[in-house]
Amino acid sequence: MRSSSRVVIGVSGASGAMLGFRALELLAAMGCETHVVVSAGAERTIAHEICSDALERVQSMASRYHAIDDIGATIASGSFRTDGMIVAPCSMRTLSAIATSAADNLLVRTADVHLKERRRLVLMTRETPLHLGHIRMMAAATEMGAIIAPPVPAFYRKPETVLDIIDHTAKRAIDLLNLGTELAEPWSGLVED
């Protein structure tokens, strides 16, 4: 990892808040400077899916925690350089706002900045099944430079727990930022039993 890595983690209100939480834990453990922005919907999801004090834990782990309505925050400007941004999970509402440049809150504004500055933006879209509108928004975001990375379990890794799945998925998202380190164990091919 580069010594001065700086990453933004956005958490939107879709189910899967543990993905963003785990990505933040991993980045913090790597010594990465982290900037976190959490949507109002995500605050409720974090409390429900993780634990009642999880938001406070997120705030304490982050190098800097930004309020969703603070559009004057450092991360809202292209002059504030980062190595990338992960939105985990990324709700369809947030995806749609990013794909249409409807930057009405700090999370979407920061994602928009990453696109305009040609920085890595990983969107861990979280919905199933998908309708054509979802697919079109994913295509639009991809055409603008985002990386769509739904949290699909890597069953070939033979996970034993849900936490194994979350851990590998979060590591894979971080690896997509090209920080100079490889967290997710690479595939080494099938081994005959």
N, C-alpha and C. Protein backbone atom coordinates (compact mmCIF):
# COMPACT_ATOMS: atom_id res chain seq x y z
N MET A 1 0.84 -1.19 0.00
CA MET A 1 0.00 0.00 0.00
C MET A 1 0.88 1.24 0.00
N ARG A 2 0.48 2.22 -0.77
CA ARG A 2 1.20 3.50 -0.77
C ARG A 2 1.11 4.12 0.63
N SER A 3 2.14 4.78 1.05
CA SER A 3 2.20 5.30 2.42
C SER A 3 1.17 6.37 2.69
N SER A 4 0.68 7.04 1.67
CA SER A 4 -0.26 8.13 1.90
C SER A 4 -1.65 7.84 1.33
N SER A 5 -2.08 6.59 1.38
CA SER A 5 -3.37 6.22 0.82
C SER A 5 -4.51 6.91 1.57
N ARG A 6 -5.46 7.40 0.79
CA ARG A 6 -6.63 8.09 1.34
C ARG A 6 -7.85 7.57 0.58
N VAL A 7 -8.81 7.02 1.31
CA VAL A 7 -9.98 6.39 0.70
C VAL A 7 -11.25 6.91 1.36
N VAL A 8 -12.28 7.11 0.53
CA VAL A 8 -13.60 7.49 1.03
C VAL A 8 -14.47 6.24 1.05
N ILE A 9 -15.18 6.06 2.15
CA ILE A 9 -16.18 5.00 2.26
C ILE A 9 -17.54 5.67 2.38
N GLY A 10 -18.44 5.33 1.47
CA GLY A 10 -19.81 5.79 1.55
C GLY A 10 -20.70 4.62 1.90
N VAL A 11 -21.65 4.83 2.79
CA VAL A 11 -22.58 3.77 3.16
C VAL A 11 -23.98 4.30 2.92
N SER A 12 -24.71 3.64 2.03
CA SER A 12 -26.09 4.07 1.76
C SER A 12 -27.05 3.10 2.45
N GLY A 13 -28.35 3.34 2.32
CA GLY A 13 -29.34 2.66 3.13
C GLY A 13 -29.73 1.25 2.75
N ALA A 14 -29.12 0.67 1.75
CA ALA A 14 -29.46 -0.70 1.36
C ALA A 14 -29.00 -1.69 2.43
N SER A 15 -29.55 -2.87 2.39
CA SER A 15 -29.10 -3.93 3.27
C SER A 15 -27.66 -4.29 2.91
N GLY A 16 -26.88 -4.64 3.92
CA GLY A 16 -25.48 -4.99 3.69
C GLY A 16 -24.52 -4.01 4.31
N ALA A 17 -24.96 -3.32 5.36
CA ALA A 17 -24.12 -2.31 6.01
C ALA A 17 -22.80 -2.89 6.50
N MET A 18 -22.77 -4.17 6.79
CA MET A 18 -21.54 -4.79 7.28
C MET A 18 -20.43 -4.75 6.23
N LEU A 19 -20.79 -4.66 4.97
CA LEU A 19 -19.77 -4.56 3.91
C LEU A 19 -18.95 -3.28 4.05
N GLY A 20 -19.63 -2.16 4.25
CA GLY A 20 -18.93 -0.90 4.46
C GLY A 20 -18.16 -0.89 5.76
N PHE A 21 -18.78 -1.45 6.80
CA PHE A 21 -18.15 -1.52 8.11
C PHE A 21 -16.84 -2.31 8.03
N ARG A 22 -16.88 -3.47 7.36
CA ARG A 22 -15.70 -4.31 7.26
C ARG A 22 -14.62 -3.66 6.38
N ALA A 23 -15.03 -3.02 5.29
CA ALA A 23 -14.05 -2.32 4.45
C ALA A 23 -13.35 -1.24 5.26
N LEU A 24 -14.10 -0.52 6.08
CA LEU A 24 -13.50 0.51 6.94
C LEU A 24 -12.53 -0.11 7.93
N GLU A 25 -12.91 -1.22 8.56
CA GLU A 25 -12.01 -1.90 9.50
C GLU A 25 -10.69 -2.29 8.82
N LEU A 26 -10.80 -2.87 7.64
CA LEU A 26 -9.61 -3.32 6.92
C LEU A 26 -8.71 -2.15 6.53
N LEU A 27 -9.31 -1.10 6.01
CA LEU A 27 -8.53 0.08 5.61
C LEU A 27 -7.86 0.74 6.81
N ALA A 28 -8.59 0.83 7.93
CA ALA A 28 -8.02 1.42 9.14
C ALA A 28 -6.85 0.58 9.64
N ALA A 29 -6.99 -0.74 9.60
CA ALA A 29 -5.91 -1.64 10.04
C ALA A 29 -4.68 -1.51 9.14
N MET A 30 -4.88 -1.12 7.87
CA MET A 30 -3.77 -0.93 6.93
C MET A 30 -3.09 0.42 7.12
N GLY A 31 -3.65 1.27 7.98
CA GLY A 31 -3.09 2.60 8.18
C GLY A 31 -3.54 3.60 7.14
N CYS A 32 -4.58 3.29 6.43
CA CYS A 32 -5.10 4.16 5.39
C CYS A 32 -5.90 5.31 6.02
N GLU A 33 -5.76 6.49 5.47
CA GLU A 33 -6.59 7.63 5.90
C GLU A 33 -7.99 7.41 5.32
N THR A 34 -8.99 7.34 6.18
CA THR A 34 -10.35 7.06 5.73
C THR A 34 -11.28 8.22 6.01
N HIS A 35 -12.11 8.51 5.04
CA HIS A 35 -13.16 9.52 5.15
C HIS A 35 -14.48 8.81 4.93
N VAL A 36 -15.40 8.95 5.87
CA VAL A 36 -16.64 8.18 5.84
C VAL A 36 -17.84 9.13 5.80
N VAL A 37 -18.80 8.79 4.94
CA VAL A 37 -20.07 9.50 4.89
C VAL A 37 -21.17 8.45 4.84
N VAL A 38 -22.18 8.64 5.69
CA VAL A 38 -23.25 7.66 5.87
C VAL A 38 -24.59 8.35 5.62
N SER A 39 -25.43 7.75 4.78
CA SER A 39 -26.75 8.34 4.53
C SER A 39 -27.66 8.15 5.74
N ALA A 40 -28.74 8.91 5.77
CA ALA A 40 -29.70 8.79 6.88
C ALA A 40 -30.30 7.39 6.92
N GLY A 41 -30.62 6.84 5.76
CA GLY A 41 -31.14 5.47 5.72
C GLY A 41 -30.14 4.47 6.22
N ALA A 42 -28.87 4.69 5.92
CA ALA A 42 -27.82 3.77 6.36
C ALA A 42 -27.66 3.80 7.87
N GLU A 43 -27.89 4.94 8.49
CA GLU A 43 -27.79 5.00 9.96
C GLU A 43 -28.73 3.99 10.59
N ARG A 44 -29.96 3.92 10.08
CA ARG A 44 -30.94 2.95 10.59
C ARG A 44 -30.52 1.53 10.28
N THR A 45 -30.03 1.31 9.05
CA THR A 45 -29.63 -0.04 8.65
C THR A 45 -28.45 -0.52 9.47
N ILE A 46 -27.48 0.34 9.71
CA ILE A 46 -26.32 -0.01 10.52
C ILE A 46 -26.75 -0.46 11.91
N ALA A 47 -27.64 0.29 12.53
CA ALA A 47 -28.11 -0.06 13.88
C ALA A 47 -28.87 -1.38 13.87
N HIS A 48 -29.65 -1.61 12.83
CA HIS A 48 -30.45 -2.84 12.75
C HIS A 48 -29.61 -4.07 12.40
N GLU A 49 -28.72 -3.94 11.42
CA GLU A 49 -27.99 -5.10 10.92
C GLU A 49 -26.72 -5.43 11.70
N ILE A 50 -26.11 -4.42 12.32
CA ILE A 50 -24.85 -4.68 13.04
C ILE A 50 -25.11 -4.66 14.54
N CYS A 51 -25.28 -3.48 15.11
CA CYS A 51 -25.64 -3.34 16.52
C CYS A 51 -25.98 -1.89 16.80
N SER A 52 -26.58 -1.63 17.92
CA SER A 52 -27.09 -0.28 18.21
C SER A 52 -25.98 0.77 18.30
N ASP A 53 -24.77 0.38 18.68
CA ASP A 53 -23.69 1.37 18.80
C ASP A 53 -22.71 1.31 17.61
N ALA A 54 -23.09 0.64 16.54
CA ALA A 54 -22.19 0.47 15.39
C ALA A 54 -21.83 1.81 14.73
N LEU A 55 -22.78 2.75 14.68
CA LEU A 55 -22.48 4.04 14.06
C LEU A 55 -21.38 4.77 14.83
N GLU A 56 -21.42 4.69 16.15
CA GLU A 56 -20.36 5.30 16.97
C GLU A 56 -19.03 4.60 16.69
N ARG A 57 -19.05 3.31 16.48
CA ARG A 57 -17.82 2.57 16.15
C ARG A 57 -17.29 3.00 14.80
N VAL A 58 -18.18 3.20 13.83
CA VAL A 58 -17.77 3.68 12.51
C VAL A 58 -17.11 5.05 12.65
N GLN A 59 -17.75 5.94 13.40
CA GLN A 59 -17.22 7.29 13.59
C GLN A 59 -15.85 7.26 14.25
N SER A 60 -15.65 6.36 15.20
CA SER A 60 -14.36 6.31 15.91
C SER A 60 -13.26 5.67 15.05
N MET A 61 -13.63 4.75 14.16
CA MET A 61 -12.63 4.11 13.29
C MET A 61 -12.17 5.02 12.15
N ALA A 62 -13.07 5.87 11.68
CA ALA A 62 -12.77 6.74 10.54
C ALA A 62 -11.75 7.80 10.92
N SER A 63 -10.86 8.10 9.99
CA SER A 63 -9.95 9.24 10.20
C SER A 63 -10.76 10.52 10.27
N ARG A 64 -11.82 10.57 9.44
CA ARG A 64 -12.71 11.73 9.43
C ARG A 64 -14.11 11.26 9.07
N TYR A 65 -15.08 11.64 9.86
CA TYR A 65 -16.48 11.30 9.61
C TYR A 65 -17.19 12.56 9.15
N HIS A 66 -17.89 12.50 8.02
CA HIS A 66 -18.55 13.66 7.44
C HIS A 66 -20.07 13.48 7.48
N ALA A 67 -20.77 14.54 7.86
CA ALA A 67 -22.24 14.52 7.86
C ALA A 67 -22.75 14.49 6.43
N ILE A 68 -23.84 13.78 6.21
CA ILE A 68 -24.40 13.60 4.87
C ILE A 68 -24.79 14.92 4.21
N ASP A 69 -25.12 15.93 5.00
CA ASP A 69 -25.55 17.21 4.42
C ASP A 69 -24.44 18.25 4.38
N ASP A 70 -23.21 17.86 4.70
CA ASP A 70 -22.08 18.79 4.72
C ASP A 70 -21.45 18.90 3.33
N ILE A 71 -22.12 19.58 2.43
CA ILE A 71 -21.61 19.66 1.05
C ILE A 71 -20.37 20.55 0.94
N GLY A 72 -19.98 21.19 2.03
CA GLY A 72 -18.75 21.97 2.05
C GLY A 72 -17.56 21.18 2.58
N ALA A 73 -17.74 19.88 2.79
CA ALA A 73 -16.66 19.03 3.32
C ALA A 73 -15.52 18.90 2.31
N THR A 74 -14.35 18.57 2.78
CA THR A 74 -13.18 18.41 1.91
C THR A 74 -13.44 17.44 0.78
N ILE A 75 -14.13 16.33 1.07
CA ILE A 75 -14.33 15.28 0.07
C ILE A 75 -15.29 15.69 -1.05
N ALA A 76 -15.92 16.86 -0.92
CA ALA A 76 -16.83 17.36 -1.96
C ALA A 76 -16.07 18.09 -3.07
N SER A 77 -14.75 18.21 -2.93
CA SER A 77 -13.96 18.95 -3.91
C SER A 77 -12.96 18.04 -4.62
N GLY A 78 -12.82 18.25 -5.91
CA GLY A 78 -11.84 17.50 -6.68
C GLY A 78 -10.42 17.83 -6.30
N SER A 79 -10.19 18.98 -5.67
CA SER A 79 -8.83 19.34 -5.26
C SER A 79 -8.37 18.54 -4.05
N PHE A 80 -9.29 17.86 -3.38
CA PHE A 80 -8.95 16.99 -2.26
C PHE A 80 -8.70 15.59 -2.83
N ARG A 81 -7.44 15.26 -2.99
CA ARG A 81 -7.07 14.03 -3.68
C ARG A 81 -7.30 12.79 -2.82
N THR A 82 -7.84 11.77 -3.47
CA THR A 82 -8.02 10.47 -2.82
C THR A 82 -7.54 9.39 -3.78
N ASP A 83 -7.41 8.19 -3.23
CA ASP A 83 -7.06 7.03 -4.05
C ASP A 83 -8.30 6.29 -4.53
N GLY A 84 -9.45 6.75 -4.12
CA GLY A 84 -10.69 6.11 -4.56
C GLY A 84 -11.78 6.16 -3.51
N MET A 85 -12.92 5.63 -3.92
CA MET A 85 -14.10 5.62 -3.06
C MET A 85 -14.84 4.30 -3.25
N ILE A 86 -15.32 3.76 -2.15
CA ILE A 86 -16.17 2.57 -2.16
C ILE A 86 -17.51 2.96 -1.58
N VAL A 87 -18.59 2.64 -2.26
CA VAL A 87 -19.93 2.81 -1.70
C VAL A 87 -20.45 1.40 -1.40
N ALA A 88 -20.52 1.09 -0.10
CA ALA A 88 -20.85 -0.26 0.33
C ALA A 88 -21.77 -0.24 1.53
N PRO A 89 -23.00 -0.65 1.37
CA PRO A 89 -23.65 -1.02 0.13
C PRO A 89 -24.09 0.21 -0.65
N CYS A 90 -24.41 0.00 -1.91
CA CYS A 90 -24.91 1.09 -2.75
C CYS A 90 -26.36 0.78 -3.11
N SER A 91 -27.27 1.54 -2.54
CA SER A 91 -28.70 1.35 -2.83
C SER A 91 -29.00 1.75 -4.26
N MET A 92 -30.12 1.33 -4.77
CA MET A 92 -30.54 1.71 -6.11
C MET A 92 -30.82 3.21 -6.18
N ARG A 93 -31.29 3.80 -5.09
CA ARG A 93 -31.51 5.24 -5.06
C ARG A 93 -30.19 5.98 -5.20
N THR A 94 -29.16 5.53 -4.46
CA THR A 94 -27.85 6.16 -4.55
C THR A 94 -27.23 5.92 -5.92
N LEU A 95 -27.34 4.71 -6.44
CA LEU A 95 -26.84 4.42 -7.78
C LEU A 95 -27.49 5.35 -8.80
N SER A 96 -28.81 5.50 -8.73
CA SER A 96 -29.53 6.36 -9.67
C SER A 96 -29.06 7.80 -9.57
N ALA A 97 -28.87 8.28 -8.35
CA ALA A 97 -28.40 9.66 -8.15
C ALA A 97 -26.99 9.83 -8.73
N ILE A 98 -26.12 8.84 -8.53
CA ILE A 98 -24.76 8.92 -9.07
C ILE A 98 -24.81 8.89 -10.60
N ALA A 99 -25.61 7.99 -11.16
CA ALA A 99 -25.67 7.82 -12.61
C ALA A 99 -26.26 9.03 -13.32
N THR A 100 -27.06 9.82 -12.60
CA THR A 100 -27.68 11.00 -13.21
C THR A 100 -27.07 12.31 -12.70
N SER A 101 -25.99 12.21 -11.93
CA SER A 101 -25.30 13.37 -11.35
C SER A 101 -26.22 14.24 -10.50
N ALA A 102 -27.16 13.61 -9.81
CA ALA A 102 -28.08 14.32 -8.92
C ALA A 102 -27.44 14.42 -7.53
N ALA A 103 -26.43 15.26 -7.43
CA ALA A 103 -25.60 15.34 -6.22
C ALA A 103 -26.26 16.21 -5.15
N ASP A 104 -27.30 15.67 -4.52
CA ASP A 104 -28.05 16.43 -3.52
C ASP A 104 -27.62 16.13 -2.09
N ASN A 105 -26.58 15.30 -1.91
CA ASN A 105 -26.03 15.06 -0.58
C ASN A 105 -24.54 14.77 -0.73
N LEU A 106 -23.82 14.72 0.37
CA LEU A 106 -22.37 14.59 0.32
C LEU A 106 -21.92 13.25 -0.26
N LEU A 107 -22.63 12.18 0.01
CA LEU A 107 -22.24 10.88 -0.52
C LEU A 107 -22.26 10.91 -2.05
N VAL A 108 -23.36 11.38 -2.62
CA VAL A 108 -23.49 11.42 -4.08
C VAL A 108 -22.53 12.45 -4.67
N ARG A 109 -22.38 13.60 -4.03
CA ARG A 109 -21.46 14.62 -4.51
C ARG A 109 -20.03 14.07 -4.57
N THR A 110 -19.63 13.35 -3.53
CA THR A 110 -18.28 12.80 -3.48
C THR A 110 -18.08 11.75 -4.57
N ALA A 111 -19.08 10.91 -4.79
CA ALA A 111 -19.00 9.94 -5.88
C ALA A 111 -18.88 10.66 -7.22
N ASP A 112 -19.65 11.73 -7.39
CA ASP A 112 -19.61 12.53 -8.62
C ASP A 112 -18.21 13.13 -8.82
N VAL A 113 -17.59 13.59 -7.75
CA VAL A 113 -16.23 14.13 -7.82
C VAL A 113 -15.26 13.05 -8.28
N HIS A 114 -15.41 11.84 -7.75
CA HIS A 114 -14.52 10.75 -8.16
C HIS A 114 -14.68 10.45 -9.65
N LEU A 115 -15.87 10.52 -10.16
CA LEU A 115 -16.08 10.28 -11.59
C LEU A 115 -15.47 11.39 -12.42
N LYS A 116 -15.72 12.64 -12.04
CA LYS A 116 -15.22 13.76 -12.85
C LYS A 116 -13.70 13.86 -12.81
N GLU A 117 -13.09 13.42 -11.72
CA GLU A 117 -11.64 13.47 -11.58
C GLU A 117 -10.98 12.18 -12.07
N ARG A 118 -11.79 11.26 -12.58
CA ARG A 118 -11.31 9.97 -13.11
C ARG A 118 -10.60 9.15 -12.05
N ARG A 119 -11.17 9.14 -10.84
CA ARG A 119 -10.65 8.33 -9.75
C ARG A 119 -11.51 7.08 -9.60
N ARG A 120 -10.96 6.07 -8.99
CA ARG A 120 -11.68 4.82 -8.80
C ARG A 120 -12.93 5.03 -7.94
N LEU A 121 -14.05 4.52 -8.42
CA LEU A 121 -15.31 4.54 -7.68
C LEU A 121 -15.91 3.15 -7.78
N VAL A 122 -15.96 2.45 -6.66
CA VAL A 122 -16.49 1.09 -6.60
C VAL A 122 -17.87 1.14 -5.96
N LEU A 123 -18.87 0.70 -6.71
CA LEU A 123 -20.26 0.71 -6.23
C LEU A 123 -20.71 -0.72 -5.97
N MET A 124 -20.88 -1.05 -4.70
CA MET A 124 -21.33 -2.38 -4.32
C MET A 124 -22.86 -2.38 -4.30
N THR A 125 -23.43 -2.42 -5.50
CA THR A 125 -24.88 -2.32 -5.66
C THR A 125 -25.56 -3.50 -4.98
N ARG A 126 -26.66 -3.18 -4.31
CA ARG A 126 -27.31 -4.17 -3.47
C ARG A 126 -28.81 -4.18 -3.74
N GLU A 127 -29.23 -5.06 -4.63
CA GLU A 127 -30.65 -5.26 -4.91
C GLU A 127 -30.80 -6.54 -5.70
N THR A 128 -31.91 -7.23 -5.52
CA THR A 128 -32.23 -8.40 -6.33
C THR A 128 -33.71 -8.71 -6.17
N PRO A 129 -34.39 -9.10 -7.21
CA PRO A 129 -33.92 -9.12 -8.59
C PRO A 129 -33.82 -7.70 -9.14
N LEU A 130 -33.23 -7.58 -10.31
CA LEU A 130 -33.05 -6.28 -10.93
C LEU A 130 -34.09 -6.09 -12.03
N HIS A 131 -34.60 -4.86 -12.17
CA HIS A 131 -35.43 -4.56 -13.33
C HIS A 131 -34.60 -3.73 -14.30
N LEU A 132 -35.15 -3.45 -15.45
CA LEU A 132 -34.40 -2.79 -16.51
C LEU A 132 -33.85 -1.42 -16.08
N GLY A 133 -34.61 -0.69 -15.25
CA GLY A 133 -34.13 0.60 -14.77
C GLY A 133 -32.85 0.47 -13.97
N HIS A 134 -32.77 -0.55 -13.10
CA HIS A 134 -31.55 -0.79 -12.32
C HIS A 134 -30.38 -1.08 -13.26
N ILE A 135 -30.62 -1.94 -14.22
CA ILE A 135 -29.56 -2.34 -15.15
C ILE A 135 -29.08 -1.13 -15.96
N ARG A 136 -30.03 -0.29 -16.39
CA ARG A 136 -29.64 0.91 -17.15
C ARG A 136 -28.82 1.88 -16.30
N MET A 137 -29.18 2.01 -15.03
CA MET A 137 -28.41 2.89 -14.15
C MET A 137 -27.00 2.33 -13.92
N MET A 138 -26.88 1.00 -13.80
CA MET A 138 -25.55 0.38 -13.67
C MET A 138 -24.73 0.62 -14.94
N ALA A 139 -25.37 0.49 -16.09
CA ALA A 139 -24.67 0.72 -17.36
C ALA A 139 -24.23 2.18 -17.45
N ALA A 140 -25.10 3.10 -17.07
CA ALA A 140 -24.76 4.52 -17.14
C ALA A 140 -23.59 4.84 -16.21
N ALA A 141 -23.61 4.32 -15.00
CA ALA A 141 -22.52 4.56 -14.05
C ALA A 141 -21.21 3.95 -14.58
N THR A 142 -21.30 2.78 -15.18
CA THR A 142 -20.11 2.14 -15.75
C THR A 142 -19.55 2.97 -16.90
N GLU A 143 -20.41 3.47 -17.76
CA GLU A 143 -19.97 4.30 -18.88
C GLU A 143 -19.28 5.57 -18.39
N MET A 144 -19.65 6.04 -17.20
CA MET A 144 -19.03 7.24 -16.62
C MET A 144 -17.72 6.92 -15.90
N GLY A 145 -17.43 5.64 -15.72
CA GLY A 145 -16.16 5.26 -15.10
C GLY A 145 -16.26 4.50 -13.80
N ALA A 146 -17.46 4.32 -13.27
CA ALA A 146 -17.61 3.57 -12.02
C ALA A 146 -17.38 2.08 -12.25
N ILE A 147 -17.03 1.40 -11.19
CA ILE A 147 -16.90 -0.06 -11.21
C ILE A 147 -18.08 -0.61 -10.43
N ILE A 148 -18.93 -1.37 -11.09
CA ILE A 148 -20.08 -1.98 -10.43
C ILE A 148 -19.61 -3.32 -9.87
N ALA A 149 -19.69 -3.49 -8.56
CA ALA A 149 -19.20 -4.70 -7.90
C ALA A 149 -20.23 -5.20 -6.89
N PRO A 150 -21.30 -5.83 -7.39
CA PRO A 150 -22.30 -6.35 -6.45
C PRO A 150 -21.65 -7.33 -5.47
N PRO A 151 -22.11 -7.35 -4.23
CA PRO A 151 -21.53 -8.26 -3.24
C PRO A 151 -21.99 -9.70 -3.46
N VAL A 152 -21.44 -10.32 -4.49
CA VAL A 152 -21.79 -11.70 -4.84
C VAL A 152 -20.80 -12.63 -4.14
N PRO A 153 -21.30 -13.58 -3.36
CA PRO A 153 -20.39 -14.48 -2.64
C PRO A 153 -19.49 -15.28 -3.57
N ALA A 154 -18.24 -15.45 -3.17
CA ALA A 154 -17.29 -16.27 -3.91
C ALA A 154 -17.35 -17.68 -3.33
N PHE A 155 -18.33 -18.45 -3.75
CA PHE A 155 -18.52 -19.78 -3.18
C PHE A 155 -17.36 -20.72 -3.47
N TYR A 156 -16.59 -20.44 -4.52
CA TYR A 156 -15.43 -21.28 -4.83
C TYR A 156 -14.38 -21.20 -3.73
N ARG A 157 -14.46 -20.17 -2.86
CA ARG A 157 -13.53 -20.06 -1.74
C ARG A 157 -13.96 -20.94 -0.57
N LYS A 158 -15.13 -21.57 -0.69
CA LYS A 158 -15.69 -22.45 0.34
C LYS A 158 -15.80 -21.75 1.70
N PRO A 159 -16.54 -20.62 1.74
CA PRO A 159 -16.69 -19.91 3.01
C PRO A 159 -17.44 -20.77 4.03
N GLU A 160 -17.04 -20.64 5.28
CA GLU A 160 -17.68 -21.40 6.34
C GLU A 160 -18.70 -20.58 7.12
N THR A 161 -18.57 -19.25 7.06
CA THR A 161 -19.50 -18.39 7.79
C THR A 161 -19.88 -17.20 6.91
N VAL A 162 -20.92 -16.50 7.33
CA VAL A 162 -21.31 -15.27 6.64
C VAL A 162 -20.17 -14.25 6.74
N LEU A 163 -19.49 -14.22 7.86
CA LEU A 163 -18.36 -13.30 8.02
C LEU A 163 -17.23 -13.59 7.04
N ASP A 164 -17.03 -14.86 6.69
CA ASP A 164 -16.04 -15.20 5.65
C ASP A 164 -16.43 -14.56 4.32
N ILE A 165 -17.71 -14.59 4.00
CA ILE A 165 -18.22 -14.01 2.75
C ILE A 165 -18.03 -12.49 2.77
N ILE A 166 -18.42 -11.86 3.88
CA ILE A 166 -18.29 -10.41 4.02
C ILE A 166 -16.83 -10.00 3.91
N ASP A 167 -15.95 -10.72 4.59
CA ASP A 167 -14.54 -10.40 4.60
C ASP A 167 -13.95 -10.45 3.19
N HIS A 168 -14.20 -11.53 2.47
CA HIS A 168 -13.66 -11.66 1.12
C HIS A 168 -14.22 -10.59 0.20
N THR A 169 -15.50 -10.32 0.32
CA THR A 169 -16.15 -9.32 -0.54
C THR A 169 -15.58 -7.93 -0.28
N ALA A 170 -15.39 -7.57 0.99
CA ALA A 170 -14.81 -6.26 1.33
C ALA A 170 -13.37 -6.16 0.84
N LYS A 171 -12.61 -7.23 1.00
CA LYS A 171 -11.21 -7.23 0.53
C LYS A 171 -11.16 -7.07 -0.98
N ARG A 172 -12.06 -7.73 -1.68
CA ARG A 172 -12.09 -7.64 -3.14
C ARG A 172 -12.40 -6.21 -3.58
N ALA A 173 -13.32 -5.55 -2.89
CA ALA A 173 -13.66 -4.15 -3.21
C ALA A 173 -12.45 -3.25 -3.00
N ILE A 174 -11.74 -3.44 -1.91
CA ILE A 174 -10.54 -2.64 -1.64
C ILE A 174 -9.49 -2.90 -2.71
N ASP A 175 -9.32 -4.16 -3.09
CA ASP A 175 -8.34 -4.49 -4.13
C ASP A 175 -8.65 -3.77 -5.45
N LEU A 176 -9.92 -3.50 -5.73
CA LEU A 176 -10.29 -2.79 -6.95
C LEU A 176 -9.79 -1.35 -6.98
N LEU A 177 -9.39 -0.82 -5.82
CA LEU A 177 -8.85 0.54 -5.76
C LEU A 177 -7.38 0.60 -6.17
N ASN A 178 -6.72 -0.54 -6.31
CA ASN A 178 -5.31 -0.59 -6.72
C ASN A 178 -4.42 0.22 -5.78
N LEU A 179 -4.50 -0.09 -4.50
CA LEU A 179 -3.70 0.63 -3.50
C LEU A 179 -2.28 0.10 -3.39
N GLY A 180 -1.94 -0.90 -4.17
CA GLY A 180 -0.59 -1.44 -4.11
C GLY A 180 -0.48 -2.63 -3.19
N THR A 181 -1.59 -3.15 -2.74
CA THR A 181 -1.60 -4.34 -1.90
C THR A 181 -2.72 -5.24 -2.39
N GLU A 182 -2.61 -6.51 -2.13
CA GLU A 182 -3.65 -7.46 -2.52
C GLU A 182 -4.17 -8.14 -1.26
N LEU A 183 -5.39 -7.80 -0.86
CA LEU A 183 -5.96 -8.35 0.35
C LEU A 183 -6.66 -9.68 0.12
N ALA A 184 -7.45 -9.76 -0.95
CA ALA A 184 -8.19 -10.98 -1.24
C ALA A 184 -7.23 -12.01 -1.80
N GLU A 185 -7.26 -13.19 -1.24
CA GLU A 185 -6.37 -14.25 -1.71
C GLU A 185 -6.70 -14.57 -3.17
N PRO A 186 -5.70 -14.52 -4.05
CA PRO A 186 -5.98 -14.77 -5.45
C PRO A 186 -6.34 -16.24 -5.72
N TRP A 187 -7.09 -16.45 -6.77
CA TRP A 187 -7.48 -17.79 -7.19
C TRP A 187 -6.24 -18.53 -7.66
N SER A 188 -6.05 -19.75 -7.16
CA SER A 188 -4.86 -20.52 -7.54
C SER A 188 -5.21 -21.74 -8.37
N GLY A 189 -6.44 -21.80 -8.83
CA GLY A 189 -6.86 -22.92 -9.67
C GLY A 189 -7.46 -24.04 -8.85
N LEU A 190 -8.12 -24.94 -9.54
CA LEU A 190 -8.73 -26.07 -8.87
C LEU A 190 -7.67 -27.08 -8.44
N VAL A 191 -7.88 -27.62 -7.27
CA VAL A 191 -6.98 -28.63 -6.73
C VAL A 191 -7.73 -29.95 -6.72
N GLU A 192 -7.13 -30.98 -7.28
CA GLU A 192 -7.77 -32.29 -7.30
C GLU A 192 -7.81 -32.86 -5.88
N ASP A 193 -8.96 -33.40 -5.51
CA ASP A 193 -9.09 -34.01 -4.16
C ASP A 193 -8.49 -35.38 -4.12
